[in-house]
Amino acid sequence: GTITISFSEGTVIDASTDQEGAGYVVVKEDTEAVDL
């Protein structure tokens, strides 16, 4: 299996997968670590 994850900065921390199977990870500017 394969997933393509797009990382970006935003106002909240979030991780999700859309209906087409693409992944998105959003981190706040001061976030140093995230568990996925």
PDB file of all heavy atoms in Angstrom:
ATOM      1  N   GLY A   1       0.832  -1.193   0.000  1.00  0.00           N
ATOM      2  CA  GLY A   1       0.000   0.000   0.000  1.00  0.00           C
ATOM      3  C   GLY A   1       0.865   1.241   0.000  1.00  0.00           C
ATOM      4  O   GLY A   1       2.002   1.216   0.484  1.00  0.00           O
ATOM      5  N   THR A   2       0.338   2.330  -0.575  1.00  0.00           N
ATOM      6  CA  THR A   2       1.074   3.586  -0.664  1.00  0.00           C
ATOM      7  C   THR A   2       0.139   4.740  -0.353  1.00  0.00           C
ATOM      8  O   THR A   2      -1.036   4.710  -0.729  1.00  0.00           O
ATOM      9  CB  THR A   2       1.663   3.778  -2.084  1.00  0.00           C
ATOM     10  OG1 THR A   2       2.566   2.715  -2.354  1.00  0.00           O
ATOM     11  CG2 THR A   2       2.397   5.102  -2.214  1.00  0.00           C
ATOM     12  N   ILE A   3       0.676   5.747   0.313  1.00  0.00           N
ATOM     13  CA  ILE A   3      -0.058   6.986   0.549  1.00  0.00           C
ATOM     14  C   ILE A   3       0.912   8.144   0.353  1.00  0.00           C
ATOM     15  O   ILE A   3       2.086   8.046   0.701  1.00  0.00           O
ATOM     16  CB  ILE A   3      -0.691   7.026   1.962  1.00  0.00           C
ATOM     17  CG1 ILE A   3      -1.562   8.270   2.136  1.00  0.00           C
ATOM     18  CG2 ILE A   3       0.371   6.930   3.050  1.00  0.00           C
ATOM     19  CD1 ILE A   3      -2.409   8.253   3.408  1.00  0.00           C
ATOM     20  N   THR A   4       0.423   9.211  -0.247  1.00  0.00           N
ATOM     21  CA  THR A   4       1.204  10.429  -0.408  1.00  0.00           C
ATOM     22  C   THR A   4       0.690  11.437   0.604  1.00  0.00           C
ATOM     23  O   THR A   4      -0.508  11.727   0.647  1.00  0.00           O
ATOM     24  CB  THR A   4       1.080  10.991  -1.840  1.00  0.00           C
ATOM     25  OG1 THR A   4       1.568   9.993  -2.743  1.00  0.00           O
ATOM     26  CG2 THR A   4       1.886  12.254  -1.999  1.00  0.00           C
ATOM     27  N   ILE A   5       1.608  11.932   1.435  1.00  0.00           N
ATOM     28  CA  ILE A   5       1.254  12.849   2.522  1.00  0.00           C
ATOM     29  C   ILE A   5       1.780  14.239   2.187  1.00  0.00           C
ATOM     30  O   ILE A   5       2.969  14.402   1.890  1.00  0.00           O
ATOM     31  CB  ILE A   5       1.904  12.408   3.857  1.00  0.00           C
ATOM     32  CG1 ILE A   5       1.638  10.944   4.144  1.00  0.00           C
ATOM     33  CG2 ILE A   5       1.469  13.313   4.990  1.00  0.00           C
ATOM     34  CD1 ILE A   5       0.341  10.628   4.744  1.00  0.00           C
ATOM     35  N   SER A   6       0.922  15.245   2.262  1.00  0.00           N
ATOM     36  CA  SER A   6       1.323  16.640   2.101  1.00  0.00           C
ATOM     37  C   SER A   6       1.410  17.276   3.481  1.00  0.00           C
ATOM     38  O   SER A   6       0.425  17.292   4.219  1.00  0.00           O
ATOM     39  CB  SER A   6       0.303  17.399   1.251  1.00  0.00           C
ATOM     40  OG  SER A   6       0.255  16.848  -0.045  1.00  0.00           O
ATOM     41  N   PHE A   7       2.597  17.762   3.834  1.00  0.00           N
ATOM     42  CA  PHE A   7       2.823  18.434   5.114  1.00  0.00           C
ATOM     43  C   PHE A   7       2.725  19.938   4.901  1.00  0.00           C
ATOM     44  O   PHE A   7       3.259  20.471   3.922  1.00  0.00           O
ATOM     45  CB  PHE A   7       4.216  18.105   5.664  1.00  0.00           C
ATOM     46  CG  PHE A   7       4.356  16.702   6.155  1.00  0.00           C
ATOM     47  CD1 PHE A   7       4.640  15.667   5.284  1.00  0.00           C
ATOM     48  CD2 PHE A   7       4.201  16.418   7.505  1.00  0.00           C
ATOM     49  CE1 PHE A   7       4.769  14.360   5.741  1.00  0.00           C
ATOM     50  CE2 PHE A   7       4.322  15.117   7.967  1.00  0.00           C
ATOM     51  CZ  PHE A   7       4.610  14.087   7.091  1.00  0.00           C
ATOM     52  N   SER A   8       2.070  20.629   5.836  1.00  0.00           N
ATOM     53  CA  SER A   8       1.962  22.081   5.762  1.00  0.00           C
ATOM     54  C   SER A   8       1.805  22.648   7.171  1.00  0.00           C
ATOM     55  O   SER A   8       1.628  21.908   8.139  1.00  0.00           O
ATOM     56  CB  SER A   8       0.769  22.488   4.894  1.00  0.00           C
ATOM     57  OG  SER A   8      -0.442  22.027   5.470  1.00  0.00           O
ATOM     58  N   GLU A   9       1.884  23.977   7.271  1.00  0.00           N
ATOM     59  CA  GLU A   9       1.673  24.655   8.551  1.00  0.00           C
ATOM     60  C   GLU A   9       0.297  25.284   8.556  1.00  0.00           C
ATOM     61  O   GLU A   9      -0.205  25.724   7.519  1.00  0.00           O
ATOM     62  CB  GLU A   9       2.744  25.718   8.785  1.00  0.00           C
ATOM     63  CG  GLU A   9       4.100  25.138   9.089  1.00  0.00           C
ATOM     64  CD  GLU A   9       5.141  26.197   9.414  1.00  0.00           C
ATOM     65  OE1 GLU A   9       4.977  27.365   9.015  1.00  0.00           O
ATOM     66  OE2 GLU A   9       6.121  25.850  10.083  1.00  0.00           O
ATOM     67  N   GLY A  10      -0.313  25.335   9.743  1.00  0.00           N
ATOM     68  CA  GLY A  10      -1.630  25.933   9.900  1.00  0.00           C
ATOM     69  C   GLY A  10      -1.841  26.368  11.331  1.00  0.00           C
ATOM     70  O   GLY A  10      -0.900  26.435  12.127  1.00  0.00           O
ATOM     71  N   THR A  11      -3.096  26.605  11.695  1.00  0.00           N
ATOM     72  CA  THR A  11      -3.411  27.080  13.043  1.00  0.00           C
ATOM     73  C   THR A  11      -3.742  25.946  14.004  1.00  0.00           C
ATOM     74  O   THR A  11      -3.901  26.176  15.201  1.00  0.00           O
ATOM     75  CB  THR A  11      -4.586  28.070  13.005  1.00  0.00           C
ATOM     76  OG1 THR A  11      -5.708  27.422  12.395  1.00  0.00           O
ATOM     77  CG2 THR A  11      -4.218  29.314  12.211  1.00  0.00           C
ATOM     78  N   VAL A  12      -3.882  24.737  13.497  1.00  0.00           N
ATOM     79  CA  VAL A  12      -4.174  23.564  14.327  1.00  0.00           C
ATOM     80  C   VAL A  12      -3.262  22.419  13.914  1.00  0.00           C
ATOM     81  O   VAL A  12      -2.638  22.462  12.858  1.00  0.00           O
ATOM     82  CB  VAL A  12      -5.648  23.109  14.196  1.00  0.00           C
ATOM     83  CG1 VAL A  12      -6.602  24.175  14.687  1.00  0.00           C
ATOM     84  CG2 VAL A  12      -5.963  22.716  12.763  1.00  0.00           C
ATOM     85  N   ILE A  13      -3.197  21.387  14.757  1.00  0.00           N
ATOM     86  CA  ILE A  13      -2.474  20.167  14.397  1.00  0.00           C
ATOM     87  C   ILE A  13      -3.509  19.150  13.951  1.00  0.00           C
ATOM     88  O   ILE A  13      -4.475  18.892  14.673  1.00  0.00           O
ATOM     89  CB  ILE A  13      -1.670  19.625  15.595  1.00  0.00           C
ATOM     90  CG1 ILE A  13      -0.642  20.656  16.055  1.00  0.00           C
ATOM     91  CG2 ILE A  13      -0.978  18.316  15.232  1.00  0.00           C
ATOM     92  CD1 ILE A  13       0.059  20.279  17.345  1.00  0.00           C
ATOM     93  N   ASP A  14      -3.319  18.573  12.762  1.00  0.00           N
ATOM     94  CA  ASP A  14      -4.293  17.624  12.244  1.00  0.00           C
ATOM     95  C   ASP A  14      -3.609  16.671  11.274  1.00  0.00           C
ATOM     96  O   ASP A  14      -2.585  17.002  10.683  1.00  0.00           O
ATOM     97  CB  ASP A  14      -5.422  18.369  11.514  1.00  0.00           C
ATOM     98  CG  ASP A  14      -6.577  17.458  11.147  1.00  0.00           C
ATOM     99  OD1 ASP A  14      -6.791  16.434  11.841  1.00  0.00           O
ATOM    100  OD2 ASP A  14      -7.282  17.752  10.171  1.00  0.00           O
ATOM    101  N   ALA A  15      -4.165  15.501  11.145  1.00  0.00           N
ATOM    102  CA  ALA A  15      -3.732  14.536  10.133  1.00  0.00           C
ATOM    103  C   ALA A  15      -4.976  13.813   9.654  1.00  0.00           C
ATOM    104  O   ALA A  15      -5.833  13.430  10.460  1.00  0.00           O
ATOM    105  CB  ALA A  15      -2.728  13.545  10.715  1.00  0.00           C
ATOM    106  N   SER A  16      -5.088  13.657   8.345  1.00  0.00           N
ATOM    107  CA  SER A  16      -6.275  13.018   7.798  1.00  0.00           C
ATOM    108  C   SER A  16      -5.973  12.421   6.432  1.00  0.00           C
ATOM    109  O   SER A  16      -4.927  12.678   5.839  1.00  0.00           O
ATOM    110  CB  SER A  16      -7.415  14.037   7.676  1.00  0.00           C
ATOM    111  OG  SER A  16      -7.034  15.081   6.785  1.00  0.00           O
ATOM    112  N   THR A  17      -6.923  11.614   5.966  1.00  0.00           N
ATOM    113  CA  THR A  17      -6.853  11.019   4.636  1.00  0.00           C
ATOM    114  C   THR A  17      -8.154  11.350   3.929  1.00  0.00           C
ATOM    115  O   THR A  17      -9.236  11.151   4.492  1.00  0.00           O
ATOM    116  CB  THR A  17      -6.677   9.486   4.725  1.00  0.00           C
ATOM    117  OG1 THR A  17      -5.553   9.202   5.557  1.00  0.00           O
ATOM    118  CG2 THR A  17      -6.459   8.880   3.353  1.00  0.00           C
ATOM    119  N   ASP A  18      -8.066  11.877   2.702  1.00  0.00           N
ATOM    120  CA  ASP A  18      -9.295  12.214   1.986  1.00  0.00           C
ATOM    121  C   ASP A  18      -9.863  10.990   1.266  1.00  0.00           C
ATOM    122  O   ASP A  18      -9.295   9.897   1.326  1.00  0.00           O
ATOM    123  CB  ASP A  18      -9.076  13.395   1.035  1.00  0.00           C
ATOM    124  CG  ASP A  18      -8.165  13.096  -0.145  1.00  0.00           C
ATOM    125  OD1 ASP A  18      -7.904  11.908  -0.437  1.00  0.00           O
ATOM    126  OD2 ASP A  18      -7.705  14.056  -0.785  1.00  0.00           O
ATOM    127  N   GLN A  19     -10.980  11.174   0.584  1.00  0.00           N
ATOM    128  CA  GLN A  19     -11.675  10.069  -0.074  1.00  0.00           C
ATOM    129  C   GLN A  19     -10.871   9.454  -1.211  1.00  0.00           C
ATOM    130  O   GLN A  19     -11.060   8.293  -1.555  1.00  0.00           O
ATOM    131  CB  GLN A  19     -13.036  10.531  -0.600  1.00  0.00           C
ATOM    132  CG  GLN A  19     -13.999  10.873   0.507  1.00  0.00           C
ATOM    133  CD  GLN A  19     -15.330  11.374  -0.021  1.00  0.00           C
ATOM    134  OE1 GLN A  19     -15.463  11.704  -1.197  1.00  0.00           O
ATOM    135  NE2 GLN A  19     -16.326  11.439   0.852  1.00  0.00           N
ATOM    136  N   GLU A  20      -9.949  10.219  -1.793  1.00  0.00           N
ATOM    137  CA  GLU A  20      -9.115   9.702  -2.876  1.00  0.00           C
ATOM    138  C   GLU A  20      -7.876   8.994  -2.347  1.00  0.00           C
ATOM    139  O   GLU A  20      -7.062   8.491  -3.120  1.00  0.00           O
ATOM    140  CB  GLU A  20      -8.701  10.833  -3.827  1.00  0.00           C
ATOM    141  CG  GLU A  20      -9.833  11.321  -4.727  1.00  0.00           C
ATOM    142  CD  GLU A  20     -10.789  12.253  -3.993  1.00  0.00           C
ATOM    143  OE1 GLU A  20     -10.312  13.081  -3.197  1.00  0.00           O
ATOM    144  OE2 GLU A  20     -11.998  12.131  -4.197  1.00  0.00           O
ATOM    145  N   GLY A  21      -7.664   9.002  -1.023  1.00  0.00           N
ATOM    146  CA  GLY A  21      -6.534   8.308  -0.427  1.00  0.00           C
ATOM    147  C   GLY A  21      -5.302   9.156  -0.203  1.00  0.00           C
ATOM    148  O   GLY A  21      -4.253   8.638   0.177  1.00  0.00           O
ATOM    149  N   ALA A  22      -5.404  10.467  -0.425  1.00  0.00           N
ATOM    150  CA  ALA A  22      -4.271  11.365  -0.174  1.00  0.00           C
ATOM    151  C   ALA A  22      -4.263  11.756   1.304  1.00  0.00           C
ATOM    152  O   ALA A  22      -5.310  11.949   1.915  1.00  0.00           O
ATOM    153  CB  ALA A  22      -4.373  12.614  -1.049  1.00  0.00           C
ATOM    154  N   GLY A  23      -3.065  11.859   1.872  1.00  0.00           N
ATOM    155  CA  GLY A  23      -2.935  12.222   3.271  1.00  0.00           C
ATOM    156  C   GLY A  23      -2.509  13.664   3.441  1.00  0.00           C
ATOM    157  O   GLY A  23      -1.807  14.225   2.592  1.00  0.00           O
ATOM    158  N   TYR A  24      -2.934  14.264   4.544  1.00  0.00           N
ATOM    159  CA  TYR A  24      -2.596  15.646   4.861  1.00  0.00           C
ATOM    160  C   TYR A  24      -2.205  15.732   6.322  1.00  0.00           C
ATOM    161  O   TYR A  24      -2.909  15.216   7.190  1.00  0.00           O
ATOM    162  CB  TYR A  24      -3.793  16.568   4.594  1.00  0.00           C
ATOM    163  CG  TYR A  24      -4.240  16.514   3.156  1.00  0.00           C
ATOM    164  CD1 TYR A  24      -5.223  15.626   2.740  1.00  0.00           C
ATOM    165  CD2 TYR A  24      -3.636  17.330   2.201  1.00  0.00           C
ATOM    166  CE1 TYR A  24      -5.612  15.559   1.413  1.00  0.00           C
ATOM    167  CE2 TYR A  24      -4.019  17.263   0.871  1.00  0.00           C
ATOM    168  CZ  TYR A  24      -5.009  16.379   0.488  1.00  0.00           C
ATOM    169  OH  TYR A  24      -5.383  16.295  -0.826  1.00  0.00           O
ATOM    170  N   VAL A  25      -1.075  16.375   6.582  1.00  0.00           N
ATOM    171  CA  VAL A  25      -0.636  16.622   7.950  1.00  0.00           C
ATOM    172  C   VAL A  25      -0.414  18.124   8.064  1.00  0.00           C
ATOM    173  O   VAL A  25       0.342  18.714   7.292  1.00  0.00           O
ATOM    174  CB  VAL A  25       0.664  15.860   8.294  1.00  0.00           C
ATOM    175  CG1 VAL A  25       1.161  16.234   9.681  1.00  0.00           C
ATOM    176  CG2 VAL A  25       0.431  14.352   8.196  1.00  0.00           C
ATOM    177  N   VAL A  26      -1.097  18.733   9.032  1.00  0.00           N
ATOM    178  CA  VAL A  26      -0.972  20.158   9.292  1.00  0.00           C
ATOM    179  C   VAL A  26      -0.419  20.313  10.696  1.00  0.00           C
ATOM    180  O   VAL A  26      -0.921  19.695  11.639  1.00  0.00           O
ATOM    181  CB  VAL A  26      -2.338  20.876   9.184  1.00  0.00           C
ATOM    182  CG1 VAL A  26      -2.186  22.366   9.455  1.00  0.00           C
ATOM    183  CG2 VAL A  26      -2.968  20.627   7.821  1.00  0.00           C
ATOM    184  N   VAL A  27       0.631  21.120  10.832  1.00  0.00           N
ATOM    185  CA  VAL A  27       1.225  21.372  12.140  1.00  0.00           C
ATOM    186  C   VAL A  27       1.263  22.869  12.393  1.00  0.00           C
ATOM    187  O   VAL A  27       1.342  23.667  11.458  1.00  0.00           O
ATOM    188  CB  VAL A  27       2.654  20.773  12.250  1.00  0.00           C
ATOM    189  CG1 VAL A  27       2.605  19.258  12.172  1.00  0.00           C
ATOM    190  CG2 VAL A  27       3.572  21.338  11.203  1.00  0.00           C
ATOM    191  N   LYS A  28       1.181  23.234  13.658  1.00  0.00           N
ATOM    192  CA  LYS A  28       1.304  24.638  14.031  1.00  0.00           C
ATOM    193  C   LYS A  28       2.764  25.052  13.891  1.00  0.00           C
ATOM    194  O   LYS A  28       3.668  24.219  13.890  1.00  0.00           O
ATOM    195  CB  LYS A  28       0.807  24.855  15.461  1.00  0.00           C
ATOM    196  CG  LYS A  28      -0.677  24.577  15.587  1.00  0.00           C
ATOM    197  CD  LYS A  28      -1.326  24.847  16.905  1.00  0.00           C
ATOM    198  CE  LYS A  28      -0.535  25.019  18.121  1.00  0.00           C
ATOM    199  NZ  LYS A  28      -1.312  25.186  19.344  1.00  0.00           N
ATOM    200  N   GLU A  29       2.984  26.343  13.802  1.00  0.00           N
ATOM    201  CA  GLU A  29       4.336  26.870  13.597  1.00  0.00           C
ATOM    202  C   GLU A  29       5.304  26.449  14.689  1.00  0.00           C
ATOM    203  O   GLU A  29       6.481  26.208  14.435  1.00  0.00           O
ATOM    204  CB  GLU A  29       4.268  28.396  13.532  1.00  0.00           C
ATOM    205  CG  GLU A  29       5.587  29.061  13.209  1.00  0.00           C
ATOM    206  CD  GLU A  29       5.445  30.556  13.086  1.00  0.00           C
ATOM    207  OE1 GLU A  29       4.581  31.012  12.323  1.00  0.00           O
ATOM    208  OE2 GLU A  29       6.211  31.267  13.761  1.00  0.00           O
ATOM    209  N   ASP A  30       4.806  26.295  15.932  1.00  0.00           N
ATOM    210  CA  ASP A  30       5.686  25.941  17.051  1.00  0.00           C
ATOM    211  C   ASP A  30       5.724  24.447  17.347  1.00  0.00           C
ATOM    212  O   ASP A  30       6.353  24.018  18.306  1.00  0.00           O
ATOM    213  CB  ASP A  30       5.284  26.720  18.302  1.00  0.00           C
ATOM    214  CG  ASP A  30       3.862  26.398  18.763  1.00  0.00           C
ATOM    215  OD1 ASP A  30       3.097  25.777  18.010  1.00  0.00           O
ATOM    216  OD2 ASP A  30       3.514  26.785  19.888  1.00  0.00           O
ATOM    217  N   THR A  31       5.081  23.631  16.513  1.00  0.00           N
ATOM    218  CA  THR A  31       5.075  22.186  16.716  1.00  0.00           C
ATOM    219  C   THR A  31       6.444  21.602  16.377  1.00  0.00           C
ATOM    220  O   THR A  31       6.976  21.846  15.300  1.00  0.00           O
ATOM    221  CB  THR A  31       4.004  21.509  15.838  1.00  0.00           C
ATOM    222  OG1 THR A  31       2.732  22.055  16.155  1.00  0.00           O
ATOM    223  CG2 THR A  31       3.989  20.003  16.050  1.00  0.00           C
ATOM    224  N   GLU A  32       7.012  20.850  17.323  1.00  0.00           N
ATOM    225  CA  GLU A  32       8.308  20.219  17.098  1.00  0.00           C
ATOM    226  C   GLU A  32       8.180  18.751  16.731  1.00  0.00           C
ATOM    227  O   GLU A  32       9.037  18.208  16.049  1.00  0.00           O
ATOM    228  CB  GLU A  32       9.181  20.360  18.344  1.00  0.00           C
ATOM    229  CG  GLU A  32       9.554  21.792  18.654  1.00  0.00           C
ATOM    230  CD  GLU A  32      10.380  21.917  19.914  1.00  0.00           C
ATOM    231  OE1 GLU A  32      10.796  20.877  20.478  1.00  0.00           O
ATOM    232  OE2 GLU A  32      10.623  23.051  20.332  1.00  0.00           O
ATOM    233  N   ALA A  33       7.112  18.092  17.230  1.00  0.00           N
ATOM    234  CA  ALA A  33       6.964  16.653  17.004  1.00  0.00           C
ATOM    235  C   ALA A  33       5.492  16.304  16.845  1.00  0.00           C
ATOM    236  O   ALA A  33       4.614  16.960  17.413  1.00  0.00           O
ATOM    237  CB  ALA A  33       7.558  15.870  18.175  1.00  0.00           C
ATOM    238  N   VAL A  34       5.246  15.266  16.072  1.00  0.00           N
ATOM    239  CA  VAL A  34       3.882  14.775  15.880  1.00  0.00           C
ATOM    240  C   VAL A  34       3.937  13.249  15.768  1.00  0.00           C
ATOM    241  O   VAL A  34       4.862  12.697  15.181  1.00  0.00           O
ATOM    242  CB  VAL A  34       3.212  15.429  14.645  1.00  0.00           C
ATOM    243  CG1 VAL A  34       3.901  15.051  13.357  1.00  0.00           C
ATOM    244  CG2 VAL A  34       1.734  15.105  14.584  1.00  0.00           C
ATOM    245  N   ASP A  35       2.963  12.602  16.379  1.00  0.00           N
ATOM    246  CA  ASP A  35       2.837  11.151  16.304  1.00  0.00           C
ATOM    247  C   ASP A  35       1.740  10.823  15.303  1.00  0.00           C
ATOM    248  O   ASP A  35       0.611  11.305  15.426  1.00  0.00           O
ATOM    249  CB  ASP A  35       2.476  10.558  17.664  1.00  0.00           C
ATOM    250  CG  ASP A  35       3.589  10.701  18.681  1.00  0.00           C
ATOM    251  OD1 ASP A  35       4.755  10.840  18.264  1.00  0.00           O
ATOM    252  OD2 ASP A  35       3.291  10.692  19.884  1.00  0.00           O
ATOM    253  N   LEU A  36       2.088  10.002  14.298  1.00  0.00           N
ATOM    254  CA  LEU A  36       1.139   9.635  13.266  1.00  0.00           C
ATOM    255  C   LEU A  36       0.861   8.140  13.313  1.00  0.00           C
ATOM    256  O   LEU A  36       1.747   7.349  13.623  1.00  0.00           O
ATOM    257  CB  LEU A  36       1.685  10.000  11.884  1.00  0.00           C
ATOM    258  CG  LEU A  36       1.950  11.483  11.637  1.00  0.00           C
ATOM    259  CD1 LEU A  36       2.565  11.683  10.254  1.00  0.00           C
ATOM    260  CD2 LEU A  36       0.668  12.290  11.779  1.00  0.00           C
TER     261      LEU A  36
END
